[in-house]
Protein backbone atom coordinates (compact mmCIF):
# COMPACT_ATOMS: atom_id res chain seq x y z
CA MET A 1 -11.83 23.41 0.21
CA ILE A 2 -9.64 25.58 2.46
CA LYS A 3 -8.20 22.46 4.08
CA LEU A 4 -7.43 21.01 0.63
CA PHE A 5 -5.79 24.27 -0.43
CA ARG A 6 -3.66 24.31 2.73
CA LEU A 7 -2.61 20.70 2.16
CA LYS A 8 -1.57 21.41 -1.43
CA GLY A 9 0.19 24.57 -0.33
CA MET A 10 2.16 22.62 2.27
CA LYS A 11 3.17 20.04 -0.35
CA VAL A 12 4.51 22.77 -2.64
CA PHE A 13 6.34 24.41 0.27
CA VAL A 14 7.97 21.11 1.32
CA LEU A 15 8.84 20.32 -2.32
CA LEU A 16 10.67 23.65 -2.66
CA LEU A 17 12.50 23.02 0.60
CA ASP A 18 13.54 19.56 -0.63
CA ILE A 19 15.04 21.14 -3.75
CA LEU A 20 16.83 23.68 -1.58
CA PHE A 21 18.14 20.90 0.68
CA VAL A 22 19.64 18.87 -2.17
CA TYR A 23 21.65 21.85 -3.46
CA ALA A 24 22.67 22.84 0.05
CA SER A 25 23.78 19.27 0.77
CA TYR A 26 26.03 19.10 -2.28
CA LEU A 27 27.49 22.56 -1.71
CA LEU A 28 28.26 21.64 1.91
CA ALA A 29 29.81 18.35 0.79
CA TYR A 30 32.04 20.18 -1.69
CA LYS A 31 33.08 22.66 1.01
CA LEU A 32 33.99 19.84 3.39
CA ILE A 33 35.90 17.76 0.84
CA PHE A 34 37.86 20.67 -0.66
CA ARG A 35 38.09 22.65 2.61
CA GLY A 36 36.22 25.65 1.32
CA HIS A 37 38.13 26.06 -1.95
CA ILE A 38 36.35 24.21 -4.77
CA PRO A 39 38.59 23.73 -7.84
CA PRO A 40 37.17 25.33 -11.00
CA ALA A 41 36.97 21.95 -12.80
CA GLU A 42 34.95 20.43 -9.92
CA TRP A 43 32.71 23.49 -9.79
CA GLU A 44 32.01 23.21 -13.53
CA SER A 45 31.18 19.53 -13.04
CA PHE A 46 28.71 20.44 -10.30
CA LEU A 47 27.10 23.11 -12.49
CA ASP A 48 26.64 20.49 -15.23
CA TYR A 49 24.79 18.27 -12.77
CA ALA A 50 22.87 21.07 -11.03
CA PRO A 51 19.84 21.21 -13.37
CA TRP A 52 19.22 17.49 -12.77
CA LEU A 53 19.57 17.38 -8.99
CA GLY A 54 16.19 18.93 -8.18
CA LEU A 55 14.33 16.75 -10.68
CA PHE A 56 16.14 13.60 -9.52
CA THR A 57 15.05 14.40 -5.96
CA ILE A 58 11.39 15.19 -6.58
CA VAL A 59 10.59 12.16 -8.78
CA PRO A 60 11.54 9.39 -6.29
CA TYR A 61 10.13 11.43 -3.40
CA TYR A 62 6.79 11.53 -5.18
CA MET A 63 6.93 7.86 -6.11
CA PHE A 64 7.56 6.86 -2.50
CA TYR A 65 4.64 8.99 -1.18
CA LEU A 66 6.90 11.43 0.67
CA TYR A 67 4.47 14.26 -0.06
CA ASP A 68 1.48 12.38 1.35
CA PHE A 69 0.81 14.38 4.50
CA ALA A 70 -2.92 13.62 4.72
CA GLY A 71 -2.42 10.06 5.98
CA ARG A 72 -1.52 8.96 9.48
CA GLN A 73 2.05 7.76 8.97
CA LYS A 74 4.70 7.14 11.59
CA PRO A 75 8.08 8.92 11.34
CA SER A 76 9.73 5.52 10.85
CA THR A 77 7.72 5.09 7.63
CA TYR A 78 8.96 8.44 6.33
CA LEU A 79 12.55 7.52 7.22
CA TYR A 80 12.29 4.16 5.46
CA ASN A 81 10.82 5.78 2.34
CA LEU A 82 13.46 8.52 2.39
CA VAL A 83 16.32 6.03 2.47
CA LEU A 84 14.87 4.17 -0.52
CA ALA A 85 14.20 7.43 -2.38
CA HIS A 86 17.80 8.53 -1.84
CA VAL A 87 19.11 5.20 -3.09
CA VAL A 88 17.05 5.71 -6.25
CA PHE A 89 18.40 9.27 -6.43
CA VAL A 90 22.00 7.99 -6.42
CA ALA A 91 21.07 5.36 -9.03
CA GLU A 92 19.70 8.17 -11.23
CA LEU A 93 23.01 10.01 -10.93
CA ILE A 94 24.94 6.89 -11.93
CA VAL A 95 22.71 6.35 -14.99
CA LEU A 96 23.09 10.02 -15.97
CA ASN A 97 26.87 9.77 -15.65
CA TYR A 98 27.06 6.73 -17.93
CA TRP A 99 24.60 8.29 -20.36
CA LEU A 100 26.31 11.67 -20.81
CA LYS A 101 29.90 10.48 -20.21
CA THR A 102 31.13 14.05 -19.97
CA PHE A 103 31.37 14.76 -16.25
CA SER A 104 31.06 13.13 -12.88
CA LEU A 105 30.63 13.98 -9.20
CA PRO A 106 33.30 12.81 -6.72
CA ARG A 107 32.12 9.75 -4.82
CA SER A 108 33.04 11.32 -1.48
CA VAL A 109 30.82 14.29 -2.32
CA VAL A 110 27.90 12.00 -3.20
CA VAL A 111 28.31 10.01 0.06
CA ILE A 112 28.46 13.10 2.30
CA ALA A 113 25.60 14.80 0.43
CA PHE A 114 23.54 11.59 0.78
CA GLY A 115 23.83 11.74 4.58
CA VAL A 116 23.27 15.50 4.85
CA GLN A 117 20.26 15.43 2.56
CA LEU A 118 18.76 12.50 4.46
CA VAL A 119 19.13 14.32 7.79
CA LEU A 120 17.63 17.57 6.46
CA THR A 121 14.66 16.01 4.65
CA PHE A 122 13.84 13.63 7.51
CA GLY A 123 14.17 16.47 10.03
CA LEU A 124 11.67 18.50 8.00
CA ARG A 125 9.16 15.63 7.95
CA LEU A 126 9.70 14.92 11.63
CA LEU A 127 8.88 18.58 12.34
CA ILE A 128 5.73 18.30 10.22
CA PHE A 129 4.77 15.13 12.10
CA LEU A 130 5.20 16.86 15.48
CA ILE A 131 3.07 19.80 14.29
CA GLN A 132 0.40 17.52 12.84
CA SER A 133 0.36 15.31 15.94
CA LYS A 134 -1.39 18.14 17.77
CA GLY A 135 -4.23 17.94 15.26
CA ILE A 136 -4.25 14.38 13.90
CA GLY A 137 -2.29 12.59 16.59
CA ARG A 138 -3.68 10.11 19.13
CA LYS A 139 -7.30 11.19 19.37
CA ARG A 140 -10.02 10.13 21.76
CA ALA A 141 -12.22 7.90 19.65
CA MET A 142 -15.65 6.33 19.62
CA VAL A 143 -16.22 3.28 17.41
CA ILE A 144 -19.71 2.54 16.11
CA GLY A 145 -20.34 -0.83 14.48
CA GLY A 146 -22.82 -3.64 14.01
CA HIS A 147 -23.03 -7.19 15.36
CA GLY A 148 -21.77 -8.93 12.19
CA HIS A 149 -18.45 -10.73 12.10
CA LEU A 150 -17.17 -8.33 9.44
CA ALA A 151 -17.70 -5.44 11.85
CA MET A 152 -15.85 -7.42 14.49
CA ASP A 153 -12.95 -7.93 12.08
CA SER A 154 -12.84 -4.18 11.41
CA LEU A 155 -12.90 -3.43 15.11
CA GLU A 156 -10.10 -5.91 15.73
CA THR A 157 -8.02 -4.15 13.06
CA VAL A 158 -8.67 -0.76 14.66
CA LEU A 159 -7.67 -2.03 18.09
CA ALA A 160 -4.54 -3.71 16.75
CA LYS A 161 -3.27 -1.08 14.28
CA GLY A 162 -4.93 2.18 15.32
CA ARG A 163 -3.44 2.47 18.78
CA THR A 164 -0.75 4.88 17.58
CA TRP A 165 -3.43 7.37 16.56
CA LEU A 166 -6.64 6.43 18.39
CA ASP A 167 -7.41 6.23 22.11
CA ILE A 168 -10.67 4.29 21.99
CA ARG A 169 -12.97 5.48 24.77
CA GLN A 170 -16.30 4.01 23.63
CA ILE A 171 -17.45 1.06 21.53
CA VAL A 172 -21.07 1.33 20.44
CA VAL A 173 -22.78 -1.80 19.09
CA ILE A 174 -25.87 -1.17 16.95
CA PRO A 175 -28.63 -3.82 17.13
CA GLU A 176 -29.65 -5.38 13.83
CA GLY A 177 -32.29 -3.30 12.04
CA GLU A 178 -31.68 -0.16 14.10
CA GLU A 179 -31.38 3.00 11.95
CA THR A 180 -31.37 5.79 14.54
CA PRO A 181 -28.27 7.35 16.10
CA PRO A 182 -27.20 5.66 19.33
CA GLU A 183 -27.65 7.22 22.75
CA CYS A 184 -24.02 7.80 23.74
CA SER A 185 -21.78 10.41 25.26
CA TRP A 186 -20.21 12.74 22.71
CA SER A 187 -18.24 14.68 25.30
CA HIS A 188 -14.46 14.23 25.32
CA ILE A 189 -14.57 12.59 21.85
CA ASP A 190 -12.38 13.87 19.01
CA VAL A 191 -13.17 11.33 16.29
CA VAL A 192 -15.89 8.80 15.43
CA LEU A 193 -15.03 5.69 13.44
CA LEU A 194 -17.93 4.11 11.53
CA ALA A 195 -17.92 0.47 10.47
CA HIS A 196 -18.94 -0.30 6.90
CA ASP A 197 -21.87 -2.59 7.77
CA LEU A 198 -24.11 0.13 9.22
CA PRO A 199 -27.32 1.24 7.42
CA ALA A 200 -26.93 4.29 5.19
CA ASN A 201 -29.52 6.28 7.17
CA LEU A 202 -27.63 5.62 10.39
CA LYS A 203 -24.30 6.64 8.86
CA SER A 204 -25.83 9.85 7.57
CA ALA A 205 -27.32 10.67 10.98
CA VAL A 206 -24.04 10.02 12.81
CA ILE A 207 -22.05 12.09 10.32
CA ARG A 208 -24.53 14.94 10.72
CA ALA A 209 -24.39 14.72 14.52
CA ALA A 210 -20.59 14.66 14.46
CA GLY A 211 -20.50 17.64 12.10
CA LEU A 212 -22.63 19.74 14.43
CA ARG A 213 -20.09 19.01 17.18
CA ARG A 214 -17.10 19.59 14.87
CA ILE A 215 -15.95 16.00 15.37
CA GLU A 216 -13.94 14.16 12.71
CA VAL A 217 -15.47 11.02 11.17
CA LEU A 218 -13.40 8.10 9.91
CA LEU A 219 -15.50 5.94 7.61
CA ILE A 220 -14.59 2.41 6.60
CA PRO A 221 -16.15 2.49 3.12
CA ASP A 222 -18.74 -0.01 2.00
CA PHE A 223 -18.40 -1.25 -1.58
CA TYR A 224 -21.39 0.88 -2.56
CA GLU A 225 -19.52 3.95 -1.30
CA LEU A 226 -16.38 2.92 -3.17
CA SER A 227 -18.39 2.86 -6.39
CA LEU A 228 -18.91 6.63 -6.01
CA VAL A 229 -15.18 7.31 -6.26
CA ASN A 230 -14.58 9.48 -9.35
CA ALA A 231 -18.23 9.11 -10.37
CA GLU A 232 -19.16 11.51 -13.16
CA SER A 233 -21.77 14.13 -12.31
CA GLN A 234 -24.42 14.61 -15.01
CA GLN A 235 -27.75 16.35 -15.43
CA LEU A 236 -31.18 15.12 -16.44
CA ASP A 237 -32.70 18.46 -17.30
CA ASP A 238 -32.32 20.28 -13.94
CA LEU A 239 -31.80 17.07 -11.92
CA MET A 240 -28.22 16.26 -10.88
CA VAL A 241 -27.28 12.57 -11.10
CA TYR A 242 -24.13 10.50 -10.74
CA SER A 243 -23.06 8.21 -13.58
CA ILE A 244 -21.61 5.00 -12.11
CA MET A 245 -19.98 2.64 -14.57
CA PRO A 246 -18.67 -0.85 -13.74
CA PRO A 247 -15.00 -0.65 -12.65
CA GLN A 248 -13.03 -1.46 -15.79
CA LEU A 249 -10.35 0.03 -18.02
CA SER A 250 -11.10 1.69 -21.35
CA LEU A 251 -9.64 0.38 -24.60
CA LEU A 252 -7.03 3.17 -24.66
CA GLU A 253 -6.04 2.46 -21.06
CA ARG A 254 -5.66 -1.26 -21.82
CA MET A 255 -3.47 -0.47 -24.85
CA MET A 256 -1.26 1.86 -22.81
CA LYS A 257 -1.01 -0.69 -20.03
CA ARG A 258 -0.08 -3.50 -22.42
CA SER A 259 2.67 -1.41 -24.02
CA VAL A 260 4.21 -0.63 -20.62
CA ASP A 261 3.89 -4.30 -19.59
CA LEU A 262 5.81 -5.50 -22.65
CA LEU A 263 8.59 -2.95 -22.24
CA ILE A 264 9.20 -3.22 -18.48
CA SER A 265 8.66 -6.99 -18.16
CA SER A 266 11.18 -7.62 -20.98
CA LEU A 267 13.79 -5.48 -19.23
CA LEU A 268 13.08 -7.07 -15.84
CA LEU A 269 13.24 -10.57 -17.29
CA LEU A 270 16.68 -9.88 -18.78
CA ALA A 271 17.91 -8.41 -15.49
CA ALA A 272 16.50 -11.32 -13.45
CA LEU A 273 17.79 -14.06 -15.78
CA PRO A 274 20.93 -14.89 -13.69
CA VAL A 275 18.85 -15.23 -10.52
CA MET A 276 16.27 -17.38 -12.28
CA LEU A 277 18.94 -19.70 -13.67
CA CYS A 278 20.31 -20.13 -10.14
CA MET A 279 16.82 -21.03 -8.88
CA PHE A 280 16.41 -23.66 -11.60
CA LEU A 281 19.55 -25.30 -10.20
CA LEU A 282 19.15 -24.74 -6.43
CA ILE A 283 15.50 -25.67 -5.90
CA PRO A 284 15.77 -29.31 -7.17
CA LEU A 285 19.06 -29.68 -5.25
CA THR A 286 17.57 -28.58 -1.92
CA SER A 287 14.19 -30.34 -2.10
CA LYS A 288 12.69 -33.12 -4.19
CA GLY A 289 10.71 -31.99 -7.22
CA ARG A 290 10.89 -29.58 -10.13
CA ALA A 291 11.98 -25.96 -9.77
CA LEU A 292 8.96 -24.52 -11.56
CA PHE A 293 5.49 -24.72 -10.05
CA VAL A 294 2.52 -24.42 -12.41
CA GLN A 295 -0.96 -23.74 -11.10
CA GLU A 296 -4.24 -22.79 -12.76
CA ARG A 297 -5.52 -19.34 -11.84
CA LEU A 298 -8.37 -17.20 -13.14
CA GLY A 299 -7.56 -14.07 -15.14
CA ARG A 300 -9.64 -11.33 -16.74
CA HIS A 301 -13.31 -12.29 -17.11
CA GLU A 302 -12.50 -15.49 -15.15
CA LYS A 303 -10.50 -16.93 -18.05
CA PRO A 304 -8.18 -19.67 -16.68
CA PHE A 305 -4.45 -19.56 -17.31
CA HIS A 306 -1.37 -21.35 -15.99
CA LEU A 307 0.52 -19.22 -13.50
CA LEU A 308 4.26 -19.85 -13.15
CA LYS A 309 6.16 -19.70 -9.86
CA PHE A 310 9.35 -21.07 -8.40
CA ARG A 311 8.39 -23.86 -6.00
CA SER A 312 8.77 -22.72 -2.39
CA MET A 313 6.97 -25.66 -0.73
CA VAL A 314 7.59 -29.38 -0.62
CA ASP A 315 6.52 -31.23 -3.76
CA ASN A 316 2.74 -31.94 -3.91
CA ALA A 317 2.17 -29.83 -0.78
CA GLU A 318 -1.64 -29.98 -1.08
CA LEU A 319 -1.89 -33.66 -1.92
CA SER A 320 -3.38 -34.54 1.47
CA THR A 321 -4.95 -31.23 2.46
CA GLY A 322 -6.52 -29.90 -0.72
CA PRO A 323 -6.42 -26.16 -1.53
CA VAL A 324 -5.36 -24.18 1.57
CA LEU A 325 -3.70 -20.78 1.96
CA ALA A 326 -0.15 -20.67 3.33
CA GLU A 327 -0.02 -19.90 7.04
CA ALA A 328 2.59 -18.09 9.10
CA GLY A 329 5.28 -20.65 9.93
CA ASP A 330 3.81 -23.15 7.46
CA ALA A 331 5.76 -26.43 7.76
CA ARG A 332 5.28 -27.13 4.04
CA ILE A 333 7.61 -24.26 3.08
CA THR A 334 11.20 -25.37 2.49
CA ARG A 335 14.22 -23.53 3.92
CA LEU A 336 15.10 -22.12 0.50
CA GLY A 337 11.38 -21.47 -0.02
CA GLN A 338 11.28 -19.19 3.02
CA PHE A 339 14.01 -17.05 1.47
CA ILE A 340 12.56 -16.84 -2.03
CA ARG A 341 9.08 -16.07 -0.66
CA SER A 342 10.33 -13.27 1.60
CA THR A 343 12.34 -11.74 -1.26
CA ARG A 344 9.58 -12.42 -3.85
CA ILE A 345 12.02 -14.34 -6.04
CA ASP A 346 9.37 -17.06 -6.36
CA GLU A 347 7.24 -14.60 -8.37
CA LEU A 348 9.85 -13.88 -11.06
CA PRO A 349 8.58 -16.52 -13.56
CA GLN A 350 5.32 -14.57 -13.71
CA LEU A 351 7.15 -12.05 -15.89
CA ILE A 352 6.66 -14.71 -18.57
CA ASN A 353 2.91 -14.63 -17.82
CA VAL A 354 3.03 -10.86 -18.33
CA LEU A 355 4.78 -11.22 -21.69
CA LYS A 356 2.23 -13.83 -22.78
CA GLY A 357 -0.62 -11.46 -21.90
CA ASP A 358 -2.14 -13.59 -19.13
CA MET A 359 -1.21 -10.98 -16.53
CA SER A 360 -0.20 -7.35 -16.18
CA LEU A 361 2.63 -5.93 -14.09
CA VAL A 362 0.10 -4.16 -11.84
CA GLY A 363 -3.38 -5.35 -10.97
CA PRO A 364 -5.30 -7.53 -8.51
CA ARG A 365 -3.41 -10.69 -7.65
CA PRO A 366 -4.68 -13.81 -9.49
CA GLU A 367 -6.42 -16.46 -7.40
CA ARG A 368 -7.61 -20.01 -7.83
CA ALA A 369 -11.21 -20.78 -8.76
CA TYR A 370 -11.66 -22.69 -5.48
CA PHE A 371 -11.01 -19.58 -3.37
CA ILE A 372 -12.71 -17.18 -5.79
CA ASP A 373 -15.97 -19.13 -5.44
CA GLN A 374 -15.71 -18.78 -1.66
CA PHE A 375 -14.92 -15.06 -1.83
CA LYS A 376 -17.78 -14.35 -4.25
CA ALA A 377 -20.24 -16.12 -1.96
CA GLU A 378 -19.31 -13.79 0.91
CA LEU A 379 -18.32 -10.68 -1.09
CA PRO A 380 -20.64 -10.12 -4.09
CA HIS A 381 -18.45 -7.25 -5.34
CA TYR A 382 -15.51 -9.62 -5.69
CA THR A 383 -16.52 -10.24 -9.32
CA TYR A 384 -15.51 -6.67 -10.22
CA ARG A 385 -11.81 -7.35 -9.59
CA LEU A 386 -11.99 -9.97 -12.35
CA MET A 387 -12.85 -7.31 -14.95
CA VAL A 388 -9.15 -6.43 -15.37
CA LYS A 389 -6.04 -8.52 -15.88
CA PRO A 390 -4.47 -9.83 -12.68
CA GLY A 391 -1.10 -8.35 -11.75
CA LEU A 392 2.34 -9.32 -10.54
CA THR A 393 1.88 -6.65 -7.87
CA GLY A 394 -0.99 -4.37 -6.94
CA LEU A 395 -2.30 -1.64 -4.68
CA ALA A 396 -3.49 -4.26 -2.18
CA GLN A 397 0.00 -5.77 -2.07
CA VAL A 398 1.78 -2.48 -1.32
CA LYS A 399 -0.84 -1.10 1.07
CA ALA A 400 -1.75 -4.32 2.86
CA GLY A 401 -0.07 -7.67 3.54
CA TYR A 402 -0.42 -11.34 2.66
CA ALA A 403 -2.57 -11.94 5.75
CA THR A 404 -4.91 -8.97 5.17
CA SER A 405 -8.53 -10.08 4.85
CA PRO A 406 -9.95 -10.62 1.32
CA GLU A 407 -12.53 -7.90 2.04
CA ASP A 408 -9.92 -5.24 2.81
CA LYS A 409 -7.80 -6.30 -0.17
CA LEU A 410 -10.87 -6.03 -2.37
CA ARG A 411 -11.31 -2.39 -1.30
CA TYR A 412 -7.80 -1.62 -2.52
CA ASP A 413 -8.32 -3.56 -5.77
CA LEU A 414 -11.52 -1.70 -6.62
CA LEU A 415 -9.94 1.62 -5.68
CA TYR A 416 -7.06 0.84 -8.04
CA ILE A 417 -9.40 0.04 -10.94
CA LYS A 418 -11.40 3.23 -10.34
CA ASN A 419 -8.26 5.40 -10.20
CA TYR A 420 -6.10 3.66 -12.82
CA SER A 421 -3.42 5.70 -14.55
CA PRO A 422 0.06 4.86 -15.90
CA LEU A 423 1.49 7.09 -13.18
CA LEU A 424 -0.33 5.10 -10.49
CA ASP A 425 1.13 1.89 -11.94
CA LEU A 426 4.60 3.41 -11.77
CA ARG A 427 4.12 4.46 -8.15
CA ILE A 428 2.95 0.96 -7.22
CA LEU A 429 6.01 -0.53 -8.91
CA PHE A 430 8.23 1.76 -6.84
CA GLN A 431 6.31 0.83 -3.69
CA THR A 432 6.83 -2.85 -4.51
CA ILE A 433 10.52 -2.30 -3.78
CA MET A 434 9.50 -1.53 -0.19
CA VAL A 435 7.33 -4.64 -0.02
CA VAL A 436 10.20 -6.85 -1.18
CA LEU A 437 12.43 -5.45 1.56
CA LYS A 438 9.77 -5.81 4.28
CA ARG A 439 9.65 -9.52 4.98
CA GLU A 440 6.69 -9.31 7.35
CA GLN A 441 4.41 -8.57 4.39
CA SER A 442 5.18 -11.98 2.91
CA ARG A 443 4.10 -13.96 5.94
CA GLY A 444 1.16 -16.31 5.57
CA VAL A 445 -2.26 -15.87 7.08
CA ALA A 446 -2.50 -16.22 10.84
CA ARG A 447 -3.51 -19.59 12.17
CA SER A 448 -7.16 -19.74 13.16
CA PRO A 449 -7.44 -19.38 16.95
CA GLN A 450 -9.24 -21.99 19.00
CA PRO A 451 -12.80 -20.94 19.88
CA SER A 452 -13.29 -19.70 23.41
CA ALA A 453 -16.14 -18.57 25.57
CA GLY A 454 -17.57 -15.09 25.19
CA SER A 455 -18.61 -13.01 22.24
CA GLY A 456 -16.15 -11.64 19.74
CA LEU A 457 -16.70 -8.11 21.01
CA GLU A 458 -16.04 -9.13 24.62
CA LYS A 459 -12.76 -10.74 23.58
CA LEU A 460 -11.76 -7.67 21.59
CA THR A 461 -12.59 -5.15 24.28
CA ALA A 462 -10.86 -7.30 26.87
CA GLY A 463 -7.67 -7.02 24.83
CA SER A 464 -7.80 -3.23 24.72
CA ALA A 465 -6.76 -2.67 28.34
CA GLU A 466 -3.43 -1.16 27.28
CA TYR A 467 -5.27 1.98 26.14
CA SER A 468 -5.02 4.92 28.51
CA ALA A 469 -8.67 4.47 29.43
CA PRO A 470 -10.67 1.27 28.94
CA PRO A 471 -13.37 1.72 26.29
CA LYS A 472 -16.97 1.72 27.36
CA ARG A 473 -19.20 -0.68 25.47
CA ILE A 474 -22.67 0.63 24.71
CA HIS A 475 -25.44 -1.33 23.02
CA GLY A 476 -27.57 1.04 21.00
């Protein structure tokens, strides 16, 4: 509770500093432009804008997660988000100017203030990062997982993406059926990462053992544990129970969501109309076939609908292969297709699907029945993501990538459904701007590697030699 209070207190403190920085940036810009003597007319113009500057700063900062100090984010991520937030800030000023039509800020002032504000706000977050790095920086870690291939996938992700924060010293493999804590060395360990496929009793024992040693635990949640998110506590007489409902939206939430979908998708469709008209001309000119690609997908409650996309592959790309996911460097993708996929232009016709009611702006991405049947066979909880309308973008799309495993995407989809709010939808829409600009998130799935000798764990641990100390592998 104290840690939560401190985190909230830090957010408020940083928020107040951000407001101070925006006013200081504009005052400094005025001083530089007018050499210390601000004309009365310009000063009055600034005072007219002043009440809006703080609000126009805080809103995009919040939408781009610039007050999220609990996560392990690199300074480069903060810088990227800050640049986008400041661009939105300037766009807000332009809209306000055209709306009120009574005053304006000099462009030179806006440009200088943009740079000063960016330096100050990024410097503040860089300082916070350096302070936090002493507590949540690159920690000595022990990974505990099972023998299953899903645990191996999780371990591979940790080794590939966690190296900025985790120095893996031990990898403990739990034999199938074992439910007692492993015999391992807890000395010189700062954090324990638990795979999701471990028995509940074992997880509980490890968490208890780590707590006694004041060691942090990072838990990859199982779908059962995700179901407890925002569960309602109730009483049966003097017995406390949790009420767990299937992940779905209420009638009021669906009505609110539909209203927002109609409004925003109509505006976006009007704004995107020139680009879409160009695509209708360019795609048939650059590759044989029609511009529009129509494919059957499954929507809410597995109801089929026809999804619309601009064609980015050669015509009849799956004629000889059958249904397959696009791979990185897929030869079927045309030259123009590579561009429209990386910029997400190929998804624009789905705004029509949103207007028709087949889709929502935000939600789990729609998939074909062929792949859904495969996912449901391996991931029984996959059915839950079909209890809401599919979306043009979603939490899994802004937090993960095209090549992220279906299991990890499902975690984000279920978390979104459990935490739905109009504000969350708005934040995801803002985050989608980042996804569009980051082309690596549009790459296809990685090509399947050729099988080689040795177990999956041996291959993974062999690839971890770049860590400061090679991890010890212990079989529990």
